[in-house]
């Protein structure tokens, strides 16, 4: 049995998702481990192209450890909120957050 490796997407607007996507495009990864991404794979990786020549990744959505499948990209969704991520564009929530840190 291959070791299971848990990977957090981290900041959704950071470089973590891009690094995960590019790493997972290499099929050799599945020969060495069973990766489990913690975050929101459906929204992020299905709708977030990180390179013009890279297609979307397919993830097996799992809810508990018994559902993790060797030889597959597994994902655990850690929150239920739907959101839209537009790289390079601030959202209303981020503008509000920034305003709370502004100094007079």
C-alpha atoms as a PDB file:
ATOM      1  CA  UNK A   1       0.000   0.000   0.000  1.00  0.00           C
ATOM      2  CA  UNK A   2       1.360   3.413  -0.968  1.00  0.00           C
ATOM      3  CA  UNK A   3       1.671   6.158   1.651  1.00  0.00           C
ATOM      4  CA  UNK A   4      -1.101   8.738   1.761  1.00  0.00           C
ATOM      5  CA  UNK A   5       0.085  12.318   1.483  1.00  0.00           C
ATOM      6  CA  UNK A   6      -2.223  15.111   2.670  1.00  0.00           C
ATOM      7  CA  UNK A   7      -1.816  18.462   0.915  1.00  0.00           C
ATOM      8  CA  UNK A   8      -3.581  21.703   1.839  1.00  0.00           C
ATOM      9  CA  UNK A   9      -4.370  24.131  -0.973  1.00  0.00           C
ATOM     10  CA  UNK A  10      -3.455  26.967   1.389  1.00  0.00           C
ATOM     11  CA  UNK A  11      -4.332  30.468   0.238  1.00  0.00           C
ATOM     12  CA  UNK A  12      -6.642  30.026  -2.749  1.00  0.00           C
ATOM     13  CA  UNK A  13      -5.218  33.163  -4.336  1.00  0.00           C
ATOM     14  CA  UNK A  14      -1.621  32.105  -3.644  1.00  0.00           C
ATOM     15  CA  UNK A  15       0.770  29.820  -5.497  1.00  0.00           C
ATOM     16  CA  UNK A  16      -0.290  26.604  -3.735  1.00  0.00           C
ATOM     17  CA  UNK A  17      -3.079  25.692  -6.162  1.00  0.00           C
ATOM     18  CA  UNK A  18      -0.795  26.252  -9.155  1.00  0.00           C
ATOM     19  CA  UNK A  19       1.971  24.111  -7.664  1.00  0.00           C
ATOM     20  CA  UNK A  20      -0.492  21.335  -6.820  1.00  0.00           C
ATOM     21  CA  UNK A  21      -2.019  21.459 -10.308  1.00  0.00           C
ATOM     22  CA  UNK A  22       1.343  21.309 -12.086  1.00  0.00           C
ATOM     23  CA  UNK A  23       2.595  18.525  -9.811  1.00  0.00           C
ATOM     24  CA  UNK A  24      -0.553  16.449 -10.275  1.00  0.00           C
ATOM     25  CA  UNK A  25      -0.263  16.640 -14.066  1.00  0.00           C
ATOM     26  CA  UNK A  26       2.769  14.339 -13.757  1.00  0.00           C
ATOM     27  CA  UNK A  27       1.379  10.775 -13.746  1.00  0.00           C
ATOM     28  CA  UNK A  28       4.475   9.501 -11.904  1.00  0.00           C
ATOM     29  CA  UNK A  29       3.099  10.983  -8.680  1.00  0.00           C
ATOM     30  CA  UNK A  30       0.517   8.207  -8.390  1.00  0.00           C
ATOM     31  CA  UNK A  31       3.262   5.560  -8.497  1.00  0.00           C
ATOM     32  CA  UNK A  32       4.815   6.875  -5.279  1.00  0.00           C
ATOM     33  CA  UNK A  33       1.892   7.964  -3.117  1.00  0.00           C
ATOM     34  CA  UNK A  34      -1.845   8.444  -2.799  1.00  0.00           C
ATOM     35  CA  UNK A  35      -2.388  12.218  -2.730  1.00  0.00           C
ATOM     36  CA  UNK A  36      -5.259  13.756  -0.771  1.00  0.00           C
ATOM     37  CA  UNK A  37      -5.896  17.472  -1.307  1.00  0.00           C
ATOM     38  CA  UNK A  38      -7.675  19.372   1.454  1.00  0.00           C
ATOM     39  CA  UNK A  39      -9.568  22.419   0.205  1.00  0.00           C
ATOM     40  CA  UNK A  40     -12.157  22.689  -2.532  1.00  0.00           C
ATOM     41  CA  UNK A  41     -11.084  20.732  -5.567  1.00  0.00           C
ATOM     42  CA  UNK A  42     -14.357  21.025  -7.475  1.00  0.00           C
ATOM     43  CA  UNK A  43     -14.355  24.806  -7.697  1.00  0.00           C
ATOM     44  CA  UNK A  44     -10.642  25.377  -7.779  1.00  0.00           C
ATOM     45  CA  UNK A  45      -9.144  22.715 -10.003  1.00  0.00           C
ATOM     46  CA  UNK A  46     -12.044  22.125 -12.391  1.00  0.00           C
ATOM     47  CA  UNK A  47     -12.470  25.835 -13.139  1.00  0.00           C
ATOM     48  CA  UNK A  48      -8.955  27.203 -12.604  1.00  0.00           C
ATOM     49  CA  UNK A  49      -6.635  26.751 -15.610  1.00  0.00           C
ATOM     50  CA  UNK A  50      -3.055  27.424 -14.560  1.00  0.00           C
ATOM     51  CA  UNK A  51      -1.539  26.981 -17.996  1.00  0.00           C
ATOM     52  CA  UNK A  52      -2.914  27.270 -21.501  1.00  0.00           C
ATOM     53  CA  UNK A  53      -1.788  23.760 -22.366  1.00  0.00           C
ATOM     54  CA  UNK A  54      -2.994  22.164 -19.103  1.00  0.00           C
ATOM     55  CA  UNK A  55      -6.434  20.637 -18.905  1.00  0.00           C
ATOM     56  CA  UNK A  56      -8.544  20.350 -15.772  1.00  0.00           C
ATOM     57  CA  UNK A  57      -7.694  17.698 -13.222  1.00  0.00           C
ATOM     58  CA  UNK A  58     -10.201  15.088 -12.112  1.00  0.00           C
ATOM     59  CA  UNK A  59     -10.495  14.444  -8.392  1.00  0.00           C
ATOM     60  CA  UNK A  60     -12.269  11.732  -6.471  1.00  0.00           C
ATOM     61  CA  UNK A  61     -14.304  13.508  -3.793  1.00  0.00           C
ATOM     62  CA  UNK A  62     -13.979  11.714  -0.456  1.00  0.00           C
ATOM     63  CA  UNK A  63     -15.744  12.265   2.853  1.00  0.00           C
ATOM     64  CA  UNK A  64     -13.826   9.842   5.064  1.00  0.00           C
ATOM     65  CA  UNK A  65     -10.539   7.961   5.074  1.00  0.00           C
ATOM     66  CA  UNK A  66     -12.156   4.694   3.955  1.00  0.00           C
ATOM     67  CA  UNK A  67     -13.138   6.372   0.660  1.00  0.00           C
ATOM     68  CA  UNK A  68      -9.573   7.319  -0.346  1.00  0.00           C
ATOM     69  CA  UNK A  69      -8.639   5.444  -3.523  1.00  0.00           C
ATOM     70  CA  UNK A  70      -5.053   4.497  -4.409  1.00  0.00           C
ATOM     71  CA  UNK A  71      -4.057   5.497  -7.932  1.00  0.00           C
ATOM     72  CA  UNK A  72      -6.470   8.461  -7.951  1.00  0.00           C
ATOM     73  CA  UNK A  73      -6.319  12.163  -7.127  1.00  0.00           C
ATOM     74  CA  UNK A  74      -8.415  12.389  -3.965  1.00  0.00           C
ATOM     75  CA  UNK A  75      -9.918  15.557  -2.505  1.00  0.00           C
ATOM     76  CA  UNK A  76     -11.620  16.468   0.747  1.00  0.00           C
ATOM     77  CA  UNK A  77     -13.788  19.589   0.592  1.00  0.00           C
ATOM     78  CA  UNK A  78     -13.252  21.456   3.845  1.00  0.00           C
ATOM     79  CA  UNK A  79     -16.082  23.972   3.552  1.00  0.00           C
ATOM     80  CA  UNK A  80     -19.551  24.120   2.051  1.00  0.00           C
ATOM     81  CA  UNK A  81     -19.565  27.721   0.885  1.00  0.00           C
ATOM     82  CA  UNK A  82     -19.710  28.315  -2.856  1.00  0.00           C
ATOM     83  CA  UNK A  83     -17.516  31.131  -4.066  1.00  0.00           C
ATOM     84  CA  UNK A  84     -16.133  32.518  -7.278  1.00  0.00           C
ATOM     85  CA  UNK A  85     -12.383  32.913  -7.585  1.00  0.00           C
ATOM     86  CA  UNK A  86     -11.258  35.351 -10.252  1.00  0.00           C
ATOM     87  CA  UNK A  87      -7.453  35.508 -10.199  1.00  0.00           C
ATOM     88  CA  UNK A  88      -6.154  39.066 -10.090  1.00  0.00           C
ATOM     89  CA  UNK A  89      -9.544  40.600  -9.257  1.00  0.00           C
ATOM     90  CA  UNK A  90     -10.472  41.702  -5.722  1.00  0.00           C
ATOM     91  CA  UNK A  91     -13.828  40.569  -4.404  1.00  0.00           C
ATOM     92  CA  UNK A  92     -16.261  42.624  -2.354  1.00  0.00           C
ATOM     93  CA  UNK A  93     -15.188  40.652   0.724  1.00  0.00           C
ATOM     94  CA  UNK A  94     -11.491  41.348   0.127  1.00  0.00           C
ATOM     95  CA  UNK A  95     -12.172  45.066  -0.356  1.00  0.00           C
ATOM     96  CA  UNK A  96     -14.079  45.149   2.930  1.00  0.00           C
ATOM     97  CA  UNK A  97     -11.287  43.280   4.713  1.00  0.00           C
ATOM     98  CA  UNK A  98      -8.676  45.663   3.308  1.00  0.00           C
ATOM     99  CA  UNK A  99     -10.698  48.640   4.498  1.00  0.00           C
ATOM    100  CA  UNK A 100     -10.588  47.327   8.074  1.00  0.00           C
ATOM    101  CA  UNK A 101      -6.790  47.510   7.987  1.00  0.00           C
ATOM    102  CA  UNK A 102      -6.605  50.988   6.433  1.00  0.00           C
ATOM    103  CA  UNK A 103      -5.142  53.688   8.640  1.00  0.00           C
ATOM    104  CA  UNK A 104      -6.688  57.166   8.864  1.00  0.00           C
END
